Structure formats: C-alpha cells, structure tokens
Amino acid sequence: HLKMSIYVLNLGICNDAVLPELMSSIEDRAILLIED
C-alpha cells in the first residue's frame, strides 16, 4: 500500500561485523522484517 520493499533479515547468519554492512545497504522507504 505504501509502495515499499521488504528486507527479510535472518539473524541466524549474521554477526556483529556483517549486520552493519547489511543495514547500510537497505534502500530508503523500505521495511526491515524480523520474523519470530
């Protein structure tokens, strides 16, 4: 409805070094989804 992309984040394959890099590459007007 808001014309946004969804970024589904699997925390199981992340570490403290990888996660900031992933977050910085998310586009504006997006939803970061962390399920369960």
Full PDB file with SEQRES, HELIX, SHEET, SSBOND, CRYST1, ORIGX, SCALE, CONECT and MASTER records, all heavy atoms in Angstrom:
SEQRES   1 A   36  HIS LEU LYS MET SER ILE TYR VAL LEU ASN LEU GLY ILE          
SEQRES   2 A   36  CYS ASN ASP ALA VAL LEU PRO GLU LEU MET SER SER ILE          
SEQRES   3 A   36  GLU ASP ARG ALA ILE LEU LEU ILE GLU ASP                      
HELIX    1 AA1 LEU A   11  ILE A   13  5                                   3    
HELIX    2 AA2 VAL A   18  SER A   24  1                                   7    
SHEET    1 AA1 2 SER A   5  VAL A   8  0                                        
SHEET    2 AA1 2 ALA A  30  LEU A  33  1                                        
CRYST1    1.000    1.000    1.000  90.00  90.00  90.00 P 1           1          
ORIGX1      1.000000  0.000000  0.000000        0.00000                         
ORIGX2      0.000000  1.000000  0.000000        0.00000                         
ORIGX3      0.000000  0.000000  1.000000        0.00000                         
SCALE1      1.000000  0.000000  0.000000        0.00000                         
SCALE2      0.000000  1.000000  0.000000        0.00000                         
SCALE3      0.000000  0.000000  1.000000        0.00000                         
ATOM      1  N   HIS A   1       0.824  -1.207   0.000  1.00  0.00           N  
ATOM      2  CA  HIS A   1       0.000   0.000   0.000  1.00  0.00           C  
ATOM      3  C   HIS A   1       0.858   1.257   0.000  1.00  0.00           C  
ATOM      4  O   HIS A   1       0.458   2.289  -0.567  1.00  0.00           O  
ATOM      5  CB  HIS A   1      -0.929  -0.015   1.211  1.00  0.00           C  
ATOM      6  CG  HIS A   1      -2.198   0.740   1.000  1.00  0.00           C  
ATOM      7  ND1 HIS A   1      -2.482   1.917   1.641  1.00  0.00           N  
ATOM      8  CD2 HIS A   1      -3.260   0.489   0.191  1.00  0.00           C  
ATOM      9  CE1 HIS A   1      -3.662   2.360   1.249  1.00  0.00           C  
ATOM     10  NE2 HIS A   1      -4.166   1.511   0.379  1.00  0.00           N  
ATOM     11  N   LEU A   2       2.043   1.201   0.619  1.00  0.00           N  
ATOM     12  CA  LEU A   2       2.931   2.363   0.674  1.00  0.00           C  
ATOM     13  C   LEU A   2       4.045   2.296  -0.370  1.00  0.00           C  
ATOM     14  O   LEU A   2       4.946   3.126  -0.375  1.00  0.00           O  
ATOM     15  CB  LEU A   2       3.538   2.495   2.070  1.00  0.00           C  
ATOM     16  CG  LEU A   2       2.548   2.743   3.207  1.00  0.00           C  
ATOM     17  CD1 LEU A   2       3.279   2.827   4.541  1.00  0.00           C  
ATOM     18  CD2 LEU A   2       1.740   4.013   2.962  1.00  0.00           C  
ATOM     19  N   LYS A   3       3.993   1.256  -1.240  1.00  0.00           N  
ATOM     20  CA  LYS A   3       4.989   1.067  -2.305  1.00  0.00           C  
ATOM     21  C   LYS A   3       6.409   1.002  -1.721  1.00  0.00           C  
ATOM     22  O   LYS A   3       7.315   1.743  -2.114  1.00  0.00           O  
ATOM     23  CB  LYS A   3       4.881   2.157  -3.361  1.00  0.00           C  
ATOM     24  CG  LYS A   3       3.515   2.225  -4.021  1.00  0.00           C  
ATOM     25  CD  LYS A   3       3.492   3.171  -5.194  1.00  0.00           C  
ATOM     26  CE  LYS A   3       2.098   3.323  -5.781  1.00  0.00           C  
ATOM     27  NZ  LYS A   3       1.369   2.085  -5.970  1.00  0.00           N  
ATOM     28  N   MET A   4       6.581   0.087  -0.783  1.00  0.00           N  
ATOM     29  CA  MET A   4       7.870  -0.107  -0.123  1.00  0.00           C  
ATOM     30  C   MET A   4       8.365  -1.527  -0.388  1.00  0.00           C  
ATOM     31  O   MET A   4       7.573  -2.444  -0.609  1.00  0.00           O  
ATOM     32  CB  MET A   4       7.738   0.124   1.388  1.00  0.00           C  
ATOM     33  CG  MET A   4       7.178   1.486   1.761  1.00  0.00           C  
ATOM     34  SD  MET A   4       6.804   1.641   3.521  1.00  0.00           S  
ATOM     35  CE  MET A   4       8.467   1.784   4.195  1.00  0.00           C  
ATOM     36  N   SER A   5       9.689  -1.702  -0.379  1.00  0.00           N  
ATOM     37  CA  SER A   5      10.283  -3.025  -0.468  1.00  0.00           C  
ATOM     38  C   SER A   5      10.392  -3.635   0.923  1.00  0.00           C  
ATOM     39  O   SER A   5      10.400  -2.923   1.932  1.00  0.00           O  
ATOM     40  CB  SER A   5      11.671  -2.947  -1.112  1.00  0.00           C  
ATOM     41  OG  SER A   5      11.593  -2.412  -2.418  1.00  0.00           O  
ATOM     42  N   ILE A   6      10.498  -4.973   0.970  1.00  0.00           N  
ATOM     43  CA  ILE A   6      10.653  -5.674   2.236  1.00  0.00           C  
ATOM     44  C   ILE A   6      12.023  -6.355   2.254  1.00  0.00           C  
ATOM     45  O   ILE A   6      12.376  -7.085   1.320  1.00  0.00           O  
ATOM     46  CB  ILE A   6       9.550  -6.735   2.440  1.00  0.00           C  
ATOM     47  CG1 ILE A   6       8.172  -6.071   2.498  1.00  0.00           C  
ATOM     48  CG2 ILE A   6       9.797  -7.529   3.719  1.00  0.00           C  
ATOM     49  CD1 ILE A   6       7.022  -7.065   2.636  1.00  0.00           C  
ATOM     50  N   TYR A   7      12.783  -6.114   3.308  1.00  0.00           N  
ATOM     51  CA  TYR A   7      14.058  -6.782   3.528  1.00  0.00           C  
ATOM     52  C   TYR A   7      13.882  -7.724   4.720  1.00  0.00           C  
ATOM     53  O   TYR A   7      13.692  -7.274   5.848  1.00  0.00           O  
ATOM     54  CB  TYR A   7      15.158  -5.763   3.811  1.00  0.00           C  
ATOM     55  CG  TYR A   7      15.570  -4.950   2.599  1.00  0.00           C  
ATOM     56  CD1 TYR A   7      14.766  -3.917   2.118  1.00  0.00           C  
ATOM     57  CD2 TYR A   7      16.758  -5.226   1.923  1.00  0.00           C  
ATOM     58  CE1 TYR A   7      15.129  -3.180   1.003  1.00  0.00           C  
ATOM     59  CE2 TYR A   7      17.133  -4.491   0.809  1.00  0.00           C  
ATOM     60  CZ  TYR A   7      16.317  -3.474   0.357  1.00  0.00           C  
ATOM     61  OH  TYR A   7      16.685  -2.748  -0.752  1.00  0.00           O  
ATOM     62  N   VAL A   8      13.911  -9.031   4.446  1.00  0.00           N  
ATOM     63  CA  VAL A   8      13.704 -10.036   5.491  1.00  0.00           C  
ATOM     64  C   VAL A   8      15.069 -10.396   6.075  1.00  0.00           C  
ATOM     65  O   VAL A   8      15.932 -10.929   5.374  1.00  0.00           O  
ATOM     66  CB  VAL A   8      13.016 -11.289   4.923  1.00  0.00           C  
ATOM     67  CG1 VAL A   8      12.747 -12.298   6.045  1.00  0.00           C  
ATOM     68  CG2 VAL A   8      11.712 -10.910   4.226  1.00  0.00           C  
ATOM     69  N   LEU A   9      15.251 -10.097   7.352  1.00  0.00           N  
ATOM     70  CA  LEU A   9      16.548 -10.280   7.998  1.00  0.00           C  
ATOM     71  C   LEU A   9      16.573 -11.594   8.769  1.00  0.00           C  
ATOM     72  O   LEU A   9      15.807 -11.787   9.718  1.00  0.00           O  
ATOM     73  CB  LEU A   9      16.837  -9.113   8.937  1.00  0.00           C  
ATOM     74  CG  LEU A   9      18.167  -9.156   9.699  1.00  0.00           C  
ATOM     75  CD1 LEU A   9      19.341  -9.150   8.721  1.00  0.00           C  
ATOM     76  CD2 LEU A   9      18.272  -7.975  10.658  1.00  0.00           C  
ATOM     77  N   ASN A  10      17.456 -12.490   8.349  1.00  0.00           N  
ATOM     78  CA  ASN A  10      17.689 -13.748   9.060  1.00  0.00           C  
ATOM     79  C   ASN A  10      18.873 -13.537   9.998  1.00  0.00           C  
ATOM     80  O   ASN A  10      20.021 -13.502   9.577  1.00  0.00           O  
ATOM     81  CB  ASN A  10      17.977 -14.864   8.055  1.00  0.00           C  
ATOM     82  CG  ASN A  10      18.212 -16.206   8.728  1.00  0.00           C  
ATOM     83  OD1 ASN A  10      18.223 -16.321   9.957  1.00  0.00           O  
ATOM     84  ND2 ASN A  10      18.401 -17.240   7.927  1.00  0.00           N  
ATOM     85  N   LEU A  11      18.583 -13.390  11.283  1.00  0.00           N  
ATOM     86  CA  LEU A  11      19.642 -13.104  12.251  1.00  0.00           C  
ATOM     87  C   LEU A  11      20.579 -14.282  12.452  1.00  0.00           C  
ATOM     88  O   LEU A  11      21.696 -14.109  12.938  1.00  0.00           O  
ATOM     89  CB  LEU A  11      19.014 -12.712  13.591  1.00  0.00           C  
ATOM     90  CG  LEU A  11      18.160 -11.439  13.588  1.00  0.00           C  
ATOM     91  CD1 LEU A  11      17.519 -11.230  14.956  1.00  0.00           C  
ATOM     92  CD2 LEU A  11      18.986 -10.227  13.209  1.00  0.00           C  
ATOM     93  N   GLY A  12      20.153 -15.480  12.067  1.00  0.00           N  
ATOM     94  CA  GLY A  12      20.974 -16.664  12.286  1.00  0.00           C  
ATOM     95  C   GLY A  12      22.231 -16.709  11.455  1.00  0.00           C  
ATOM     96  O   GLY A  12      23.158 -17.464  11.781  1.00  0.00           O  
ATOM     97  N   ILE A  13      22.302 -15.943  10.366  1.00  0.00           N  
ATOM     98  CA  ILE A  13      23.505 -15.952   9.528  1.00  0.00           C  
ATOM     99  C   ILE A  13      24.194 -14.591   9.552  1.00  0.00           C  
ATOM    100  O   ILE A  13      24.848 -14.199   8.594  1.00  0.00           O  
ATOM    101  CB  ILE A  13      23.185 -16.376   8.084  1.00  0.00           C  
ATOM    102  CG1 ILE A  13      22.125 -15.438   7.463  1.00  0.00           C  
ATOM    103  CG2 ILE A  13      22.708 -17.812   8.025  1.00  0.00           C  
ATOM    104  CD1 ILE A  13      21.897 -15.701   5.979  1.00  0.00           C  
ATOM    105  N   CYS A  14      24.021 -13.868  10.666  1.00  0.00           N  
ATOM    106  CA  CYS A  14      24.660 -12.560  10.816  1.00  0.00           C  
ATOM    107  C   CYS A  14      25.647 -12.590  11.976  1.00  0.00           C  
ATOM    108  O   CYS A  14      25.543 -13.429  12.874  1.00  0.00           O  
ATOM    109  CB  CYS A  14      23.616 -11.471  11.107  1.00  0.00           C  
ATOM    110  SG  CYS A  14      22.506 -11.118   9.742  1.00  0.00           S  
ATOM    111  N   ASN A  15      26.591 -11.681  11.956  1.00  0.00           N  
ATOM    112  CA  ASN A  15      27.422 -11.411  13.125  1.00  0.00           C  
ATOM    113  C   ASN A  15      27.568  -9.903  13.281  1.00  0.00           C  
ATOM    114  O   ASN A  15      27.025  -9.127  12.505  1.00  0.00           O  
ATOM    115  CB  ASN A  15      28.781 -12.117  13.026  1.00  0.00           C  
ATOM    116  CG  ASN A  15      29.627 -11.611  11.872  1.00  0.00           C  
ATOM    117  OD1 ASN A  15      29.281 -10.632  11.215  1.00  0.00           O  
ATOM    118  ND2 ASN A  15      30.727 -12.286  11.614  1.00  0.00           N  
ATOM    119  N   ASP A  16      28.298  -9.482  14.288  1.00  0.00           N  
ATOM    120  CA  ASP A  16      28.401  -8.052  14.577  1.00  0.00           C  
ATOM    121  C   ASP A  16      29.101  -7.269  13.476  1.00  0.00           C  
ATOM    122  O   ASP A  16      28.910  -6.056  13.353  1.00  0.00           O  
ATOM    123  CB  ASP A  16      29.146  -7.840  15.900  1.00  0.00           C  
ATOM    124  CG  ASP A  16      28.321  -8.282  17.107  1.00  0.00           C  
ATOM    125  OD1 ASP A  16      27.143  -8.617  16.912  1.00  0.00           O  
ATOM    126  OD2 ASP A  16      28.857  -8.305  18.226  1.00  0.00           O  
ATOM    127  N   ALA A  17      29.927  -7.939  12.666  1.00  0.00           N  
ATOM    128  CA  ALA A  17      30.615  -7.255  11.574  1.00  0.00           C  
ATOM    129  C   ALA A  17      29.746  -7.179  10.325  1.00  0.00           C  
ATOM    130  O   ALA A  17      29.772  -6.189   9.591  1.00  0.00           O  
ATOM    131  CB  ALA A  17      31.931  -7.968  11.261  1.00  0.00           C  
ATOM    132  N   VAL A  18      28.958  -8.216  10.074  1.00  0.00           N  
ATOM    133  CA  VAL A  18      28.152  -8.290   8.860  1.00  0.00           C  
ATOM    134  C   VAL A  18      26.914  -7.413   8.942  1.00  0.00           C  
ATOM    135  O   VAL A  18      26.545  -6.734   7.970  1.00  0.00           O  
ATOM    136  CB  VAL A  18      27.753  -9.757   8.582  1.00  0.00           C  
ATOM    137  CG1 VAL A  18      26.659  -9.847   7.525  1.00  0.00           C  
ATOM    138  CG2 VAL A  18      28.963 -10.572   8.168  1.00  0.00           C  
ATOM    139  N   LEU A  19      26.243  -7.400  10.095  1.00  0.00           N  
ATOM    140  CA  LEU A  19      24.950  -6.731  10.205  1.00  0.00           C  
ATOM    141  C   LEU A  19      24.999  -5.237   9.877  1.00  0.00           C  
ATOM    142  O   LEU A  19      24.121  -4.738   9.158  1.00  0.00           O  
ATOM    143  CB  LEU A  19      24.372  -6.956  11.604  1.00  0.00           C  
ATOM    144  CG  LEU A  19      22.916  -6.528  11.813  1.00  0.00           C  
ATOM    145  CD1 LEU A  19      22.002  -7.151  10.760  1.00  0.00           C  
ATOM    146  CD2 LEU A  19      22.444  -6.901  13.206  1.00  0.00           C  
ATOM    147  N   PRO A  20      25.984  -4.454  10.351  1.00  0.00           N  
ATOM    148  CA  PRO A  20      26.020  -3.035   9.960  1.00  0.00           C  
ATOM    149  C   PRO A  20      26.138  -2.843   8.454  1.00  0.00           C  
ATOM    150  O   PRO A  20      25.548  -1.908   7.895  1.00  0.00           O  
ATOM    151  CB  PRO A  20      27.253  -2.503  10.695  1.00  0.00           C  
ATOM    152  CG  PRO A  20      27.431  -3.423  11.856  1.00  0.00           C  
ATOM    153  CD  PRO A  20      27.030  -4.768  11.355  1.00  0.00           C  
ATOM    154  N   GLU A  21      26.896  -3.709   7.791  1.00  0.00           N  
ATOM    155  CA  GLU A  21      27.041  -3.609   6.337  1.00  0.00           C  
ATOM    156  C   GLU A  21      25.709  -3.879   5.641  1.00  0.00           C  
ATOM    157  O   GLU A  21      25.342  -3.203   4.674  1.00  0.00           O  
ATOM    158  CB  GLU A  21      28.105  -4.595   5.859  1.00  0.00           C  
ATOM    159  CG  GLU A  21      28.412  -4.515   4.384  1.00  0.00           C  
ATOM    160  CD  GLU A  21      29.530  -5.442   3.959  1.00  0.00           C  
ATOM    161  OE1 GLU A  21      30.238  -5.968   4.839  1.00  0.00           O  
ATOM    162  OE2 GLU A  21      29.692  -5.647   2.742  1.00  0.00           O  
ATOM    163  N   LEU A  22      24.976  -4.874   6.138  1.00  0.00           N  
ATOM    164  CA  LEU A  22      23.664  -5.165   5.574  1.00  0.00           C  
ATOM    165  C   LEU A  22      22.711  -3.987   5.760  1.00  0.00           C  
ATOM    166  O   LEU A  22      22.007  -3.576   4.831  1.00  0.00           O  
ATOM    167  CB  LEU A  22      23.070  -6.406   6.235  1.00  0.00           C  
ATOM    168  CG  LEU A  22      23.641  -7.756   5.831  1.00  0.00           C  
ATOM    169  CD1 LEU A  22      23.113  -8.851   6.758  1.00  0.00           C  
ATOM    170  CD2 LEU A  22      23.294  -8.087   4.388  1.00  0.00           C  
ATOM    171  N   MET A  23      22.691  -3.425   6.960  1.00  0.00           N  
ATOM    172  CA  MET A  23      21.774  -2.329   7.257  1.00  0.00           C  
ATOM    173  C   MET A  23      22.060  -1.105   6.399  1.00  0.00           C  
ATOM    174  O   MET A  23      21.143  -0.403   5.958  1.00  0.00           O  
ATOM    175  CB  MET A  23      21.857  -1.968   8.734  1.00  0.00           C  
ATOM    176  CG  MET A  23      21.372  -3.062   9.675  1.00  0.00           C  
ATOM    177  SD  MET A  23      19.595  -3.344   9.594  1.00  0.00           S  
ATOM    178  CE  MET A  23      18.983  -1.857  10.377  1.00  0.00           C  
ATOM    179  N   SER A  24      23.331  -0.846   6.146  1.00  0.00           N  
ATOM    180  CA  SER A  24      23.694   0.350   5.377  1.00  0.00           C  
ATOM    181  C   SER A  24      23.282   0.250   3.916  1.00  0.00           C  
ATOM    182  O   SER A  24      23.196   1.268   3.224  1.00  0.00           O  
ATOM    183  CB  SER A  24      25.206   0.597   5.475  1.00  0.00           C  
ATOM    184  OG  SER A  24      25.920  -0.451   4.836  1.00  0.00           O  
ATOM    185  N   SER A  25      23.035  -0.965   3.426  1.00  0.00           N  
ATOM    186  CA  SER A  25      22.695  -1.150   2.014  1.00  0.00           C  
ATOM    187  C   SER A  25      21.188  -1.241   1.771  1.00  0.00           C  
ATOM    188  O   SER A  25      20.764  -1.496   0.648  1.00  0.00           O  
ATOM    189  CB  SER A  25      23.378  -2.409   1.466  1.00  0.00           C  
ATOM    190  OG  SER A  25      22.964  -3.562   2.174  1.00  0.00           O  
ATOM    191  N   ILE A  26      20.376  -1.038   2.815  1.00  0.00           N  
ATOM    192  CA  ILE A  26      18.926  -1.036   2.637  1.00  0.00           C  
ATOM    193  C   ILE A  26      18.501   0.300   2.035  1.00  0.00           C  
ATOM    194  O   ILE A  26      18.954   1.357   2.460  1.00  0.00           O  
ATOM    195  CB  ILE A  26      18.207  -1.263   3.985  1.00  0.00           C  
ATOM    196  CG1 ILE A  26      18.569  -2.637   4.555  1.00  0.00           C  
ATOM    197  CG2 ILE A  26      16.698  -1.152   3.820  1.00  0.00           C  
ATOM    198  CD1 ILE A  26      17.968  -2.896   5.928  1.00  0.00           C  
ATOM    199  N   GLU A  27      17.617   0.255   1.058  1.00  0.00           N  
ATOM    200  CA  GLU A  27      17.163   1.482   0.413  1.00  0.00           C  
ATOM    201  C   GLU A  27      16.229   2.262   1.335  1.00  0.00           C  
ATOM    202  O   GLU A  27      15.662   1.722   2.298  1.00  0.00           O  
ATOM    203  CB  GLU A  27      16.420   1.137  -0.884  1.00  0.00           C  
ATOM    204  CG  GLU A  27      15.149   0.335  -0.668  1.00  0.00           C  
ATOM    205  CD  GLU A  27      14.517  -0.134  -1.963  1.00  0.00           C  
ATOM    206  OE1 GLU A  27      15.202  -0.827  -2.733  1.00  0.00           O  
ATOM    207  OE2 GLU A  27      13.345   0.189  -2.185  1.00  0.00           O  
ATOM    208  N   ASP A  28      16.071   3.555   1.047  1.00  0.00           N  
ATOM    209  CA  ASP A  28      15.078   4.355   1.764  1.00  0.00           C  
ATOM    210  C   ASP A  28      13.679   3.838   1.459  1.00  0.00           C  
ATOM    211  O   ASP A  28      13.455   3.163   0.458  1.00  0.00           O  
ATOM    212  CB  ASP A  28      15.180   5.825   1.357  1.00  0.00           C  
ATOM    213  CG  ASP A  28      16.365   6.515   2.013  1.00  0.00           C  
ATOM    214  OD1 ASP A  28      16.906   5.964   2.979  1.00  0.00           O  
ATOM    215  OD2 ASP A  28      16.745   7.606   1.547  1.00  0.00           O  
ATOM    216  N   ARG A  29      12.735   4.193   2.333  1.00  0.00           N  
ATOM    217  CA  ARG A  29      11.344   3.774   2.152  1.00  0.00           C  
ATOM    218  C   ARG A  29      11.244   2.254   2.022  1.00  0.00           C  
ATOM    219  O   ARG A  29      10.668   1.718   1.080  1.00  0.00           O  
ATOM    220  CB  ARG A  29      10.718   4.444   0.925  1.00  0.00           C  
ATOM    221  CG  ARG A  29      10.616   5.948   1.022  1.00  0.00           C  
ATOM    222  CD  ARG A  29      10.044   6.519  -0.256  1.00  0.00           C  
ATOM    223  NE  ARG A  29       8.756   5.921  -0.568  1.00  0.00           N  
ATOM    224  CZ  ARG A  29       7.573   6.367  -0.130  1.00  0.00           C  
ATOM    225  NH1 ARG A  29       7.542   7.429   0.655  1.00  0.00           N  
ATOM    226  NH2 ARG A  29       6.457   5.775  -0.468  1.00  0.00           N  
ATOM    227  N   ALA A  30      11.823   1.575   2.982  1.00  0.00           N  
ATOM    228  CA  ALA A  30      11.792   0.110   2.993  1.00  0.00           C  
ATOM    229  C   ALA A  30      11.381  -0.372   4.375  1.00  0.00           C  
ATOM    230  O   ALA A  30      11.484   0.351   5.371  1.00  0.00           O  
ATOM    231  CB  ALA A  30      13.146  -0.469   2.605  1.00  0.00           C  
ATOM    232  N   ILE A  31      10.917  -1.618   4.411  1.00  0.00           N  
ATOM    233  CA  ILE A  31      10.560  -2.266   5.665  1.00  0.00           C  
ATOM    234  C   ILE A  31      11.588  -3.347   5.954  1.00  0.00           C  
ATOM    235  O   ILE A  31      11.868  -4.188   5.095  1.00  0.00           O  
ATOM    236  CB  ILE A  31       9.153  -2.883   5.597  1.00  0.00           C  
ATOM    237  CG1 ILE A  31       8.092  -1.782   5.516  1.00  0.00           C  
ATOM    238  CG2 ILE A  31       8.879  -3.771   6.805  1.00  0.00           C  
ATOM    239  CD1 ILE A  31       6.667  -2.306   5.361  1.00  0.00           C  
ATOM    240  N   LEU A  32      12.172  -3.308   7.143  1.00  0.00           N  
ATOM    241  CA  LEU A  32      13.057  -4.377   7.602  1.00  0.00           C  
ATOM    242  C   LEU A  32      12.219  -5.311   8.470  1.00  0.00           C  
ATOM    243  O   LEU A  32      11.723  -4.914   9.521  1.00  0.00           O  
ATOM    244  CB  LEU A  32      14.224  -3.802   8.397  1.00  0.00           C  
ATOM    245  CG  LEU A  32      15.180  -4.848   8.989  1.00  0.00           C  
ATOM    246  CD1 LEU A  32      15.958  -5.546   7.884  1.00  0.00           C  
ATOM    247  CD2 LEU A  32      16.133  -4.212   9.992  1.00  0.00           C  
ATOM    248  N   LEU A  33      12.064  -6.548   8.024  1.00  0.00           N  
ATOM    249  CA  LEU A  33      11.206  -7.510   8.715  1.00  0.00           C  
ATOM    250  C   LEU A  33      12.057  -8.556   9.431  1.00  0.00           C  
ATOM    251  O   LEU A  33      12.882  -9.229   8.807  1.00  0.00           O  
ATOM    252  CB  LEU A  33      10.277  -8.190   7.708  1.00  0.00           C  
ATOM    253  CG  LEU A  33       9.379  -9.314   8.253  1.00  0.00           C  
ATOM    254  CD1 LEU A  33       8.457  -8.792   9.346  1.00  0.00           C  
ATOM    255  CD2 LEU A  33       8.572  -9.948   7.118  1.00  0.00           C  
ATOM    256  N   ILE A  34      11.851  -8.677  10.733  1.00  0.00           N  
ATOM    257  CA  ILE A  34      12.496  -9.725  11.542  1.00  0.00           C  
ATOM    258  C   ILE A  34      11.381 -10.597  12.104  1.00  0.00           C  
ATOM    259  O   ILE A  34      10.667 -10.187  13.022  1.00  0.00           O  
ATOM    260  CB  ILE A  34      13.343  -9.127  12.680  1.00  0.00           C  
ATOM    261  CG1 ILE A  34      14.321  -8.080  12.144  1.00  0.00           C  
ATOM    262  CG2 ILE A  34      14.096 -10.231  13.410  1.00  0.00           C  
ATOM    263  CD1 ILE A  34      15.129  -7.381  13.232  1.00  0.00           C  
ATOM    264  N   GLU A  35      11.210 -11.775  11.526  1.00  0.00           N  
ATOM    265  CA  GLU A  35      10.121 -12.655  11.941  1.00  0.00           C  
ATOM    266  C   GLU A  35      10.549 -13.537  13.105  1.00  0.00           C  
ATOM    267  O   GLU A  35      11.719 -13.934  13.207  1.00  0.00           O  
ATOM    268  CB  GLU A  35       9.653 -13.508  10.766  1.00  0.00           C  
ATOM    269  CG  GLU A  35       9.059 -12.692   9.624  1.00  0.00           C  
ATOM    270  CD  GLU A  35       8.404 -13.546   8.567  1.00  0.00           C  
ATOM    271  OE1 GLU A  35       9.148 -14.159   7.769  1.00  0.00           O  
ATOM    272  OE2 GLU A  35       7.164 -13.611   8.533  1.00  0.00           O  
ATOM    273  N   ASP A  36       9.572 -13.864  13.958  1.00  0.00           N  
ATOM    274  CA  ASP A  36       9.808 -14.724  15.127  1.00  0.00           C  
ATOM    275  C   ASP A  36      11.035 -14.252  15.896  1.00  0.00           C  
ATOM    276  O   ASP A  36      11.949 -15.033  16.188  1.00  0.00           O  
ATOM    277  CB  ASP A  36       9.975 -16.183  14.691  1.00  0.00           C  
ATOM    278  CG  ASP A  36       8.724 -16.716  14.003  1.00  0.00           C  
ATOM    279  OD1 ASP A  36       7.617 -16.445  14.508  1.00  0.00           O  
ATOM    280  OD2 ASP A  36       8.855 -17.384  12.964  1.00  0.00           O  
TER     281      ASP A  36                                                      
MASTER        0    0    0    2    2    0    0    6  280    1    0    3          
END                                                                             
